[in-house]
Amino acid sequence: MLATGISTFSLTALLLPPVVSSAFVAENFLKTLRSPRPFHAVSFPERNRTCIAESHDDLQTDDAENILKAVQDCNNGGHVILAEKHTYTITSPMNLTGLKSIDIDIQGRLSFPADNLTYWQANSFDLQYQNATSFFILGGSDVNIYGGGEVQGHGQNWYDAYTKDKKIRRPVLFAIVGLDGGTVSDIKMRNAPFWHNVIINSTDVVYSGLDLFSTSNNGNFEKNTDGWDTYRSDRIVIENSTVTNGDDCVSFKPNSTNILVQNMQCNGTHGISVGSLGQYPARVDYVQDILVRNISMYNSSEGARIKVWPDAYAEKSQSLTGGGGRGLVRNVTYDGMFLDNVDYGITITQCYGQDDEEECFKHPSKLNIQDITFRNIRGRTNRVFSPLVGHIVCSSPETCSGIVAQNIDIRTINGSSLVTCRNVDKGLLEVECSDWSKGYNPA
């Protein structure tokens, strides 16, 4: 257990350099980006009392009230323990907002059974973005979650249900909403019904040393099981973690700023993605000042990706449609990524949801992309788009600028290194550009 700092969890298999403190990295990263506000290191004041949450331990009776009581009793300076070797079964939603100066020490197992999907359809928290809901919401200030325990979402029933009904609303496993200063560290997350983590309207939060794993045990795939989604949040660090899932390893949703993602191992994912953005016509989306560094990406559809909708209606799938939004992606850097068995190594598209690129070009995106750097990316792609290893396609020359690729060594298993480059300044791209395209239709 770790009550006074961030875990020193290390992915030794990645052969990455030593990790310095999150606060130091984030502070210097943001200085480099000339952020208008410095990153404030999270403090860890002494907690003055301990509350141990009771558990029925029968895998059926709801323990939500026991957890809520322990949190209420230890709010404003306390330490809540979900005890080791105990299972806390949650069958009703928990509102854990309004927290202040509290540690939540998950040593045991927090379990969200999936035997009553109809109940959660009616009672989960509506996160008001992309049909997302959640079992619980957690927010406040100076909140630390750690303990080495497990959060279990029992996702298989949700995957099976989604295969039959694409409109079903599946809860996010771990939702932070309105947190100003805090950490989440040393937690295992298993079988998320939807995204593993979402962070909304939050600042100065560090995630470190998490182990995320969600896969299906049949042909009903674990769709939309993103590792992290950041939304309307600023000064966030995600580091030193492993993700095995069926969607984005990390996704920067609208209005995500000043974010550092480093020292990650992603397996079976859709890469580390900006977006999708521009989905809703009435909204202005922006993502800026993002640094992604030291990433290992295995068996994935993407490595580094930016995805933007065109300025016209497009249908990605029955449950994912959109287009026509406005905004900006600016100052995003991917620096240091190893790829093995991915479909595309680097991707930029302003035609998300539109399979016909020529049709997309008739309706150029109103969401501009500026000052993007792909640097020090190497590895191997598979046969899916061979002989292409990347796809950099803007909907108009006027909608993209400052897209740079440096020290890129990505090859197919046959040795090709072609990248589709359309409506971009090829002089800034140190890759083997081609006008030829196989299109873009990953998830």
Protein backbone atom coordinates (compact mmCIF):
# COMPACT_ATOMS: atom_id res chain seq x y z
CA MET A 1 0.00 0.00 0.00
CA LEU A 2 1.06 3.54 -0.71
CA ALA A 3 -0.44 6.39 1.28
CA THR A 4 2.08 9.16 0.83
CA GLY A 5 3.01 9.33 -2.83
CA ILE A 6 2.84 7.98 -6.35
CA SER A 7 3.79 4.37 -6.97
CA THR A 8 7.22 3.75 -8.45
CA PHE A 9 5.67 1.04 -10.66
CA SER A 10 7.98 0.30 -13.58
CA LEU A 11 7.38 -1.49 -16.86
CA THR A 12 10.79 -3.14 -16.92
CA ALA A 13 9.88 -5.13 -20.01
CA LEU A 14 9.77 -1.90 -21.98
CA LEU A 15 13.42 -1.07 -21.26
CA LEU A 16 12.41 2.51 -20.65
CA PRO A 17 14.59 5.09 -18.93
CA PRO A 18 14.12 5.74 -15.21
CA VAL A 19 10.94 7.60 -14.38
CA VAL A 20 11.26 10.84 -12.50
CA SER A 21 8.41 12.17 -10.41
CA SER A 22 5.15 12.93 -12.17
CA ALA A 23 5.03 16.45 -10.80
CA PHE A 24 8.56 17.22 -12.07
CA VAL A 25 7.88 15.81 -15.54
CA ALA A 26 4.54 17.54 -15.88
CA GLU A 27 5.89 20.85 -14.61
CA ASN A 28 8.79 20.88 -17.05
CA PHE A 29 6.63 19.59 -19.88
CA LEU A 30 4.18 22.40 -19.41
CA LYS A 31 6.96 24.96 -19.15
CA THR A 32 8.23 23.68 -22.47
CA LEU A 33 4.80 24.22 -23.94
CA ARG A 34 4.69 27.67 -22.31
CA SER A 35 1.49 26.91 -20.49
CA PRO A 36 -0.18 30.00 -19.00
CA ARG A 37 -0.52 28.17 -15.68
CA PRO A 38 2.06 26.00 -13.91
CA PHE A 39 1.29 22.44 -12.95
CA HIS A 40 0.61 22.24 -9.23
CA ALA A 41 2.15 19.18 -7.61
CA VAL A 42 -0.41 17.17 -5.67
CA SER A 43 0.06 17.38 -1.91
CA PHE A 44 -0.36 14.46 0.47
CA PRO A 45 -1.25 15.83 3.90
CA GLU A 46 -1.48 13.49 6.86
CA ARG A 47 -4.86 11.81 7.26
CA ASN A 48 -6.17 12.05 10.81
CA ARG A 49 -8.57 9.11 11.05
CA THR A 50 -9.34 5.76 9.44
CA CYS A 51 -12.69 4.30 8.38
CA ILE A 52 -12.91 0.66 7.32
CA ALA A 53 -15.88 0.03 5.03
CA GLU A 54 -17.93 -3.02 5.96
CA SER A 55 -18.67 -5.71 3.37
CA HIS A 56 -21.42 -8.35 3.30
CA ASP A 57 -19.01 -10.56 1.35
CA ASP A 58 -21.86 -12.63 -0.11
CA LEU A 59 -21.42 -11.38 -3.72
CA GLN A 60 -25.11 -10.39 -3.81
CA THR A 61 -26.02 -7.84 -1.14
CA ASP A 62 -25.38 -4.22 -2.08
CA ASP A 63 -22.44 -2.65 -0.23
CA ALA A 64 -22.89 0.82 -1.71
CA GLU A 65 -24.32 2.29 1.50
CA ASN A 66 -21.42 0.90 3.53
CA ILE A 67 -18.91 2.61 1.26
CA LEU A 68 -20.86 5.86 1.21
CA LYS A 69 -21.00 5.86 5.02
CA ALA A 70 -17.27 5.24 5.38
CA VAL A 71 -16.52 8.01 2.91
CA GLN A 72 -18.86 10.41 4.68
CA ASP A 73 -17.33 9.62 8.07
CA CYS A 74 -13.78 10.09 6.82
CA ASN A 75 -14.27 13.01 4.45
CA ASN A 76 -12.21 16.11 5.24
CA GLY A 77 -8.99 14.49 6.35
CA GLY A 78 -9.55 10.75 6.64
CA HIS A 79 -8.46 7.42 5.18
CA VAL A 80 -11.08 4.95 3.92
CA ILE A 81 -10.10 1.29 3.58
CA LEU A 82 -11.83 -1.29 1.41
CA ALA A 83 -10.25 -4.23 3.15
CA GLU A 84 -8.01 -6.83 1.58
CA LYS A 85 -9.59 -10.25 0.85
CA HIS A 86 -13.08 -8.74 0.90
CA THR A 87 -15.42 -8.19 -2.05
CA TYR A 88 -17.61 -5.08 -2.06
CA THR A 89 -20.61 -5.74 -4.29
CA ILE A 90 -22.22 -2.64 -5.79
CA THR A 91 -25.73 -2.90 -7.24
CA SER A 92 -26.79 0.75 -6.95
CA PRO A 93 -25.17 4.00 -8.13
CA MET A 94 -22.77 5.86 -5.83
CA ASN A 95 -22.36 9.63 -5.81
CA LEU A 96 -18.89 10.24 -4.42
CA THR A 97 -18.61 13.92 -5.30
CA GLY A 98 -17.90 16.66 -2.76
CA LEU A 99 -14.85 14.84 -1.39
CA LYS A 100 -12.07 16.80 0.28
CA SER A 101 -8.66 15.70 1.58
CA ILE A 102 -9.41 12.00 1.66
CA ASP A 103 -7.64 8.77 0.72
CA ILE A 104 -9.60 5.79 -0.60
CA ASP A 105 -7.50 2.67 -0.12
CA ILE A 106 -8.88 -0.13 -2.30
CA GLN A 107 -7.12 -3.22 -0.98
CA GLY A 108 -9.96 -5.63 -1.76
CA ARG A 109 -12.28 -6.03 -4.72
CA LEU A 110 -14.91 -3.51 -5.86
CA SER A 111 -17.39 -5.48 -7.97
CA PHE A 112 -20.23 -4.29 -10.24
CA PRO A 113 -22.28 -7.40 -11.14
CA ALA A 114 -23.90 -7.52 -14.57
CA ASP A 115 -26.96 -9.61 -13.77
CA ASN A 116 -29.41 -6.68 -14.05
CA LEU A 117 -28.51 -4.62 -17.10
CA THR A 118 -32.00 -3.13 -17.24
CA TYR A 119 -31.53 -1.57 -13.79
CA TRP A 120 -28.30 0.14 -14.79
CA GLN A 121 -29.89 1.44 -17.98
CA ALA A 122 -32.30 3.43 -15.82
CA ASN A 123 -30.10 4.30 -12.84
CA SER A 124 -26.52 4.91 -13.93
CA PHE A 125 -25.15 8.46 -14.05
CA ASP A 126 -25.53 10.21 -17.42
CA LEU A 127 -22.17 11.72 -18.36
CA GLN A 128 -23.74 13.69 -21.22
CA TYR A 129 -21.17 12.75 -23.83
CA GLN A 130 -21.19 10.01 -26.48
CA ASN A 131 -23.95 8.07 -24.74
CA ALA A 132 -21.65 7.39 -21.77
CA THR A 133 -22.95 6.57 -18.29
CA SER A 134 -21.23 5.39 -15.12
CA PHE A 135 -21.75 3.21 -12.06
CA PHE A 136 -20.44 5.99 -9.83
CA ILE A 137 -18.98 9.49 -10.05
CA LEU A 138 -16.12 10.72 -7.89
CA GLY A 139 -15.01 14.32 -7.44
CA GLY A 140 -13.82 17.00 -5.05
CA SER A 141 -10.30 18.11 -4.13
CA ASP A 142 -7.16 16.43 -2.77
CA VAL A 143 -8.39 12.86 -3.29
CA ASN A 144 -6.07 9.87 -3.58
CA ILE A 145 -7.16 6.40 -4.67
CA TYR A 146 -4.71 3.51 -4.35
CA GLY A 147 -4.27 0.19 -2.59
CA GLY A 148 -3.38 -2.62 -4.99
CA GLY A 149 -6.94 -3.92 -5.21
CA GLU A 150 -9.27 -4.55 -8.13
CA VAL A 151 -12.26 -2.84 -9.73
CA GLN A 152 -14.30 -5.48 -11.57
CA GLY A 153 -16.91 -4.53 -14.18
CA HIS A 154 -18.12 -7.99 -15.31
CA GLY A 155 -18.12 -6.74 -18.88
CA GLN A 156 -18.94 -9.95 -20.75
CA ASN A 157 -22.71 -9.64 -20.27
CA TRP A 158 -22.46 -6.06 -21.53
CA TYR A 159 -20.45 -7.11 -24.61
CA ASP A 160 -23.04 -9.79 -25.39
CA ALA A 161 -25.91 -7.31 -24.96
CA TYR A 162 -24.23 -4.68 -27.14
CA THR A 163 -23.87 -7.18 -29.97
CA LYS A 164 -27.68 -7.48 -30.01
CA ASP A 165 -28.52 -3.83 -29.31
CA LYS A 166 -26.10 -1.10 -30.39
CA LYS A 167 -28.13 1.52 -28.51
CA ILE A 168 -27.57 -0.01 -25.09
CA ARG A 169 -25.85 2.37 -22.68
CA ARG A 170 -22.92 0.66 -20.98
CA PRO A 171 -21.43 2.22 -17.83
CA VAL A 172 -17.88 3.53 -17.59
CA LEU A 173 -16.01 1.53 -14.96
CA PHE A 174 -14.26 4.43 -13.16
CA ALA A 175 -15.58 7.97 -13.63
CA ILE A 176 -13.93 11.07 -12.17
CA VAL A 177 -16.03 14.21 -12.52
CA GLY A 178 -14.94 17.56 -11.11
CA LEU A 179 -11.73 16.61 -9.28
CA ASP A 180 -9.22 19.37 -8.49
CA GLY A 181 -5.98 17.73 -7.38
CA GLY A 182 -5.68 14.01 -6.85
CA THR A 183 -4.15 10.69 -7.80
CA VAL A 184 -5.22 7.22 -8.87
CA SER A 185 -2.44 4.65 -8.49
CA ASP A 186 -1.73 0.94 -8.05
CA ILE A 187 -5.19 -0.35 -9.03
CA LYS A 188 -6.23 -3.24 -11.27
CA MET A 189 -9.27 -2.66 -13.51
CA ARG A 190 -10.92 -5.67 -15.11
CA ASN A 191 -13.67 -6.30 -17.69
CA ALA A 192 -14.96 -2.77 -18.17
CA PRO A 193 -18.42 -2.68 -19.81
CA PHE A 194 -17.46 0.52 -21.67
CA TRP A 195 -14.48 2.86 -21.09
CA HIS A 196 -12.24 1.94 -18.16
CA ASN A 197 -11.60 5.54 -17.08
CA VAL A 198 -13.11 8.89 -17.91
CA ILE A 199 -12.02 12.18 -16.37
CA ILE A 200 -14.32 15.17 -16.84
CA ASN A 201 -14.09 18.82 -15.73
CA SER A 202 -10.97 18.07 -13.69
CA THR A 203 -7.49 19.53 -13.11
CA ASP A 204 -4.17 18.41 -11.64
CA VAL A 205 -4.80 14.67 -11.57
CA VAL A 206 -2.16 11.94 -11.90
CA TYR A 207 -2.85 8.31 -12.86
CA SER A 208 0.11 5.99 -12.26
CA GLY A 209 0.73 2.25 -12.08
CA LEU A 210 -2.66 1.00 -13.27
CA ASP A 211 -3.21 -2.42 -14.83
CA LEU A 212 -6.21 -2.48 -17.20
CA PHE A 213 -7.43 -5.70 -18.81
CA SER A 214 -10.72 -6.28 -20.65
CA THR A 215 -11.17 -8.97 -23.29
CA SER A 216 -14.13 -11.02 -24.45
CA ASN A 217 -14.31 -14.77 -23.97
CA ASN A 218 -16.42 -15.25 -27.11
CA GLY A 219 -17.02 -13.61 -30.49
CA ASN A 220 -18.86 -10.62 -28.99
CA PHE A 221 -15.95 -8.22 -28.88
CA GLU A 222 -15.10 -5.80 -26.07
CA LYS A 223 -16.09 -2.71 -28.06
CA ASN A 224 -15.37 0.80 -26.74
CA THR A 225 -13.30 -0.35 -23.78
CA ASP A 226 -10.97 2.68 -23.92
CA GLY A 227 -8.27 2.78 -21.27
CA TRP A 228 -8.70 6.50 -20.60
CA ASP A 229 -10.84 9.26 -22.02
CA THR A 230 -10.06 12.83 -21.02
CA TYR A 231 -12.85 15.37 -21.49
CA ARG A 232 -12.92 19.07 -20.56
CA SER A 233 -9.88 18.54 -18.33
CA ASP A 234 -6.53 20.28 -17.87
CA ARG A 235 -3.13 19.28 -16.45
CA ILE A 236 -3.53 15.51 -16.40
CA VAL A 237 -0.76 12.88 -16.22
CA ILE A 238 -1.28 9.23 -17.26
CA GLU A 239 1.82 7.10 -16.79
CA ASN A 240 3.51 3.77 -16.02
CA SER A 241 0.51 1.60 -16.84
CA THR A 242 -0.51 -1.38 -18.96
CA VAL A 243 -3.66 -1.63 -21.07
CA THR A 244 -5.14 -4.66 -22.85
CA ASN A 245 -8.51 -3.87 -24.39
CA GLY A 246 -10.51 -3.47 -27.59
CA ASP A 247 -10.37 0.28 -28.24
CA ASP A 248 -8.19 3.35 -27.63
CA CYS A 249 -5.40 2.98 -25.11
CA VAL A 250 -5.86 6.67 -24.34
CA SER A 251 -8.22 9.10 -26.08
CA PHE A 252 -8.16 12.88 -25.75
CA LYS A 253 -11.78 13.94 -26.10
CA PRO A 254 -12.93 17.56 -26.61
CA ASN A 255 -11.40 20.35 -24.57
CA SER A 256 -8.48 18.32 -23.22
CA THR A 257 -5.41 20.48 -22.57
CA ASN A 258 -1.94 20.18 -21.02
CA ILE A 259 -1.80 16.40 -20.82
CA LEU A 260 1.20 14.11 -20.45
CA VAL A 261 1.02 10.39 -21.29
CA GLN A 262 4.25 8.48 -20.73
CA ASN A 263 5.73 5.02 -20.17
CA MET A 264 2.74 2.96 -21.29
CA GLN A 265 2.31 -0.53 -22.71
CA CYS A 266 -0.79 -0.91 -24.90
CA ASN A 267 -1.92 -4.27 -26.30
CA GLY A 268 -4.83 -4.97 -28.66
CA THR A 269 -5.84 -1.31 -28.64
CA HIS A 270 -6.67 1.36 -31.23
CA GLY A 271 -3.64 3.39 -30.27
CA ILE A 272 -3.28 6.69 -28.45
CA SER A 273 -5.78 8.98 -30.13
CA VAL A 274 -6.77 12.59 -30.34
CA GLY A 275 -10.52 12.52 -30.83
CA SER A 276 -12.73 11.86 -32.35
CA LEU A 277 -13.46 15.59 -32.62
CA GLY A 278 -16.01 17.61 -34.58
CA GLN A 279 -18.76 15.07 -34.09
CA TYR A 280 -21.47 17.54 -33.05
CA PRO A 281 -22.34 20.54 -35.29
CA ALA A 282 -23.30 22.87 -32.44
CA ARG A 283 -20.05 22.39 -30.51
CA VAL A 284 -16.52 23.78 -30.66
CA ASP A 285 -13.91 21.15 -29.77
CA TYR A 286 -10.27 21.81 -29.03
CA VAL A 287 -7.36 19.65 -27.91
CA GLN A 288 -3.99 21.28 -27.37
CA ASP A 289 -0.65 20.98 -25.59
CA ILE A 290 -0.38 17.19 -25.48
CA LEU A 291 2.81 15.16 -25.05
CA VAL A 292 2.87 11.38 -25.56
CA ARG A 293 6.25 9.73 -24.93
CA ASN A 294 7.82 6.30 -24.40
CA ILE A 295 4.99 4.06 -25.59
CA SER A 296 5.02 0.39 -26.59
CA MET A 297 2.12 -0.60 -28.86
CA TYR A 298 1.39 -4.26 -29.63
CA ASN A 299 -1.25 -6.01 -31.77
CA SER A 300 -3.18 -2.80 -32.32
CA SER A 301 -5.07 -1.13 -35.15
CA GLU A 302 -3.18 2.15 -34.63
CA GLY A 303 -0.11 3.62 -33.03
CA ALA A 304 -0.36 7.42 -32.94
CA ARG A 305 -3.67 8.76 -34.24
CA ILE A 306 -5.65 11.98 -34.73
CA LYS A 307 -9.25 11.57 -35.91
CA VAL A 308 -11.57 14.41 -36.92
CA TRP A 309 -15.01 14.36 -38.52
CA PRO A 310 -15.66 16.12 -41.87
CA ASP A 311 -18.03 19.07 -42.27
CA ALA A 312 -20.90 16.84 -43.31
CA TYR A 313 -22.92 14.05 -41.77
CA ALA A 314 -21.07 10.73 -41.70
CA GLU A 315 -21.96 7.37 -40.22
CA LYS A 316 -19.14 5.45 -38.60
CA SER A 317 -21.49 2.80 -37.29
CA GLN A 318 -25.10 2.42 -36.21
CA SER A 319 -24.24 3.87 -32.80
CA LEU A 320 -21.61 6.41 -33.93
CA THR A 321 -22.61 9.18 -36.34
CA GLY A 322 -21.70 12.83 -36.64
CA GLY A 323 -19.80 15.54 -38.46
CA GLY A 324 -19.93 19.30 -38.88
CA GLY A 325 -18.30 20.40 -35.65
CA ARG A 326 -15.68 23.14 -35.37
CA GLY A 327 -12.52 23.65 -33.39
CA LEU A 328 -8.78 23.09 -33.27
CA VAL A 329 -6.11 20.47 -32.59
CA ARG A 330 -2.80 22.18 -31.81
CA ASN A 331 0.61 21.39 -30.35
CA VAL A 332 0.44 17.61 -30.07
CA THR A 333 3.67 15.60 -29.93
CA TYR A 334 4.19 11.84 -30.12
CA ASP A 335 7.84 11.25 -29.17
CA GLY A 336 9.16 7.71 -28.76
CA MET A 337 6.89 4.84 -29.75
CA PHE A 338 7.68 1.19 -30.48
CA LEU A 339 5.19 -0.67 -32.69
CA ASP A 340 4.71 -4.39 -33.24
CA ASN A 341 1.91 -5.86 -35.36
CA VAL A 342 -0.16 -2.71 -35.84
CA ASP A 343 -2.32 -1.85 -38.87
CA TYR A 344 -1.21 1.80 -39.24
CA GLY A 345 1.74 3.28 -37.36
CA ILE A 346 0.81 6.96 -37.68
CA THR A 347 -2.57 8.35 -38.67
CA ILE A 348 -4.19 11.71 -39.23
CA THR A 349 -7.64 11.81 -40.76
CA GLN A 350 -10.16 14.61 -41.19
CA CYS A 351 -12.52 12.15 -42.85
CA TYR A 352 -13.50 10.12 -39.80
CA GLY A 353 -16.72 8.25 -40.47
CA GLN A 354 -16.59 8.92 -44.22
CA ASP A 355 -15.13 6.00 -46.19
CA ASP A 356 -15.14 7.91 -49.50
CA GLU A 357 -12.23 10.36 -49.27
CA GLU A 358 -13.22 12.24 -52.42
CA GLU A 359 -16.66 12.85 -50.94
CA CYS A 360 -14.97 14.00 -47.73
CA PHE A 361 -12.83 16.49 -49.66
CA LYS A 362 -16.03 18.13 -50.93
CA HIS A 363 -16.89 18.99 -47.32
CA PRO A 364 -13.58 19.97 -45.66
CA SER A 365 -13.50 19.77 -41.90
CA LYS A 366 -14.05 22.97 -39.94
CA LEU A 367 -11.78 21.62 -37.23
CA ASN A 368 -8.19 22.64 -38.05
CA ILE A 369 -5.08 20.64 -37.18
CA GLN A 370 -1.88 22.59 -36.44
CA ASP A 371 1.65 21.93 -35.14
CA ILE A 372 1.67 18.16 -34.85
CA THR A 373 4.93 16.22 -34.42
CA PHE A 374 5.55 12.50 -34.84
CA ARG A 375 9.11 11.78 -33.71
CA ASN A 376 11.20 8.67 -32.98
CA ILE A 377 8.60 6.10 -33.97
CA ARG A 378 9.77 2.70 -35.10
CA GLY A 379 8.49 -0.83 -35.53
CA ARG A 380 6.51 -3.20 -37.70
CA THR A 381 3.04 -3.12 -39.21
CA ASN A 382 1.02 -6.11 -40.38
CA ARG A 383 -0.60 -6.91 -43.74
CA VAL A 384 -3.89 -5.05 -43.23
CA PHE A 385 -2.88 -1.92 -45.18
CA SER A 386 0.37 -3.21 -46.71
CA PRO A 387 2.39 -1.75 -48.40
CA LEU A 388 1.24 1.31 -46.43
CA VAL A 389 2.39 1.90 -42.86
CA GLY A 390 0.66 5.23 -42.24
CA HIS A 391 -2.16 7.51 -43.33
CA ILE A 392 -1.85 11.33 -43.14
CA VAL A 393 -4.88 12.75 -44.92
CA CYS A 394 -6.39 16.20 -44.41
CA SER A 395 -9.67 17.16 -46.01
CA SER A 396 -8.14 20.34 -47.51
CA PRO A 397 -4.67 21.95 -47.66
CA GLU A 398 -6.14 24.90 -45.75
CA THR A 399 -7.22 22.83 -42.74
CA CYS A 400 -3.82 21.39 -41.74
CA SER A 401 -0.47 23.07 -41.11
CA GLY A 402 2.79 22.32 -39.36
CA ILE A 403 2.50 18.53 -39.48
CA VAL A 404 6.01 17.14 -38.95
CA ALA A 405 7.41 13.60 -39.02
CA GLN A 406 11.01 13.01 -37.91
CA ASN A 407 13.10 9.87 -37.41
CA ILE A 408 10.33 7.50 -38.46
CA ASP A 409 11.29 3.87 -39.13
CA ILE A 410 8.08 1.91 -39.61
CA ARG A 411 7.97 -0.98 -42.05
CA THR A 412 5.56 -3.67 -43.11
CA ILE A 413 6.57 -7.27 -42.66
CA ASN A 414 7.58 -7.11 -46.34
CA GLY A 415 9.86 -4.11 -45.80
CA SER A 416 7.71 -1.36 -47.35
CA SER A 417 7.48 2.03 -45.62
CA LEU A 418 4.92 3.96 -47.70
CA VAL A 419 2.67 6.54 -46.07
CA THR A 420 -0.41 8.05 -47.71
CA CYS A 421 0.09 11.85 -47.67
CA ARG A 422 -2.75 14.03 -49.01
CA ASN A 423 -3.40 17.75 -48.55
CA VAL A 424 -0.33 18.18 -46.32
CA ASP A 425 3.11 19.77 -46.72
CA LYS A 426 5.21 16.75 -47.70
CA GLY A 427 8.39 18.76 -47.18
CA LEU A 428 7.89 18.49 -43.42
CA LEU A 429 7.42 14.73 -43.47
CA GLU A 430 10.52 12.54 -43.26
CA VAL A 431 8.61 9.54 -44.57
CA GLU A 432 8.14 7.90 -47.96
CA CYS A 433 4.98 9.71 -49.08
CA SER A 434 2.53 8.33 -51.61
CA ASP A 435 -0.69 9.76 -53.06
CA TRP A 436 -2.08 6.25 -53.19
CA SER A 437 -4.56 5.38 -50.46
CA LYS A 438 -6.27 2.27 -49.21
CA GLY A 439 -8.68 4.49 -47.32
CA TYR A 440 -9.24 4.64 -43.62
CA ASN A 441 -11.82 2.51 -41.91
CA PRO A 442 -10.52 1.34 -38.53
CA ALA A 443 -12.78 1.75 -35.49
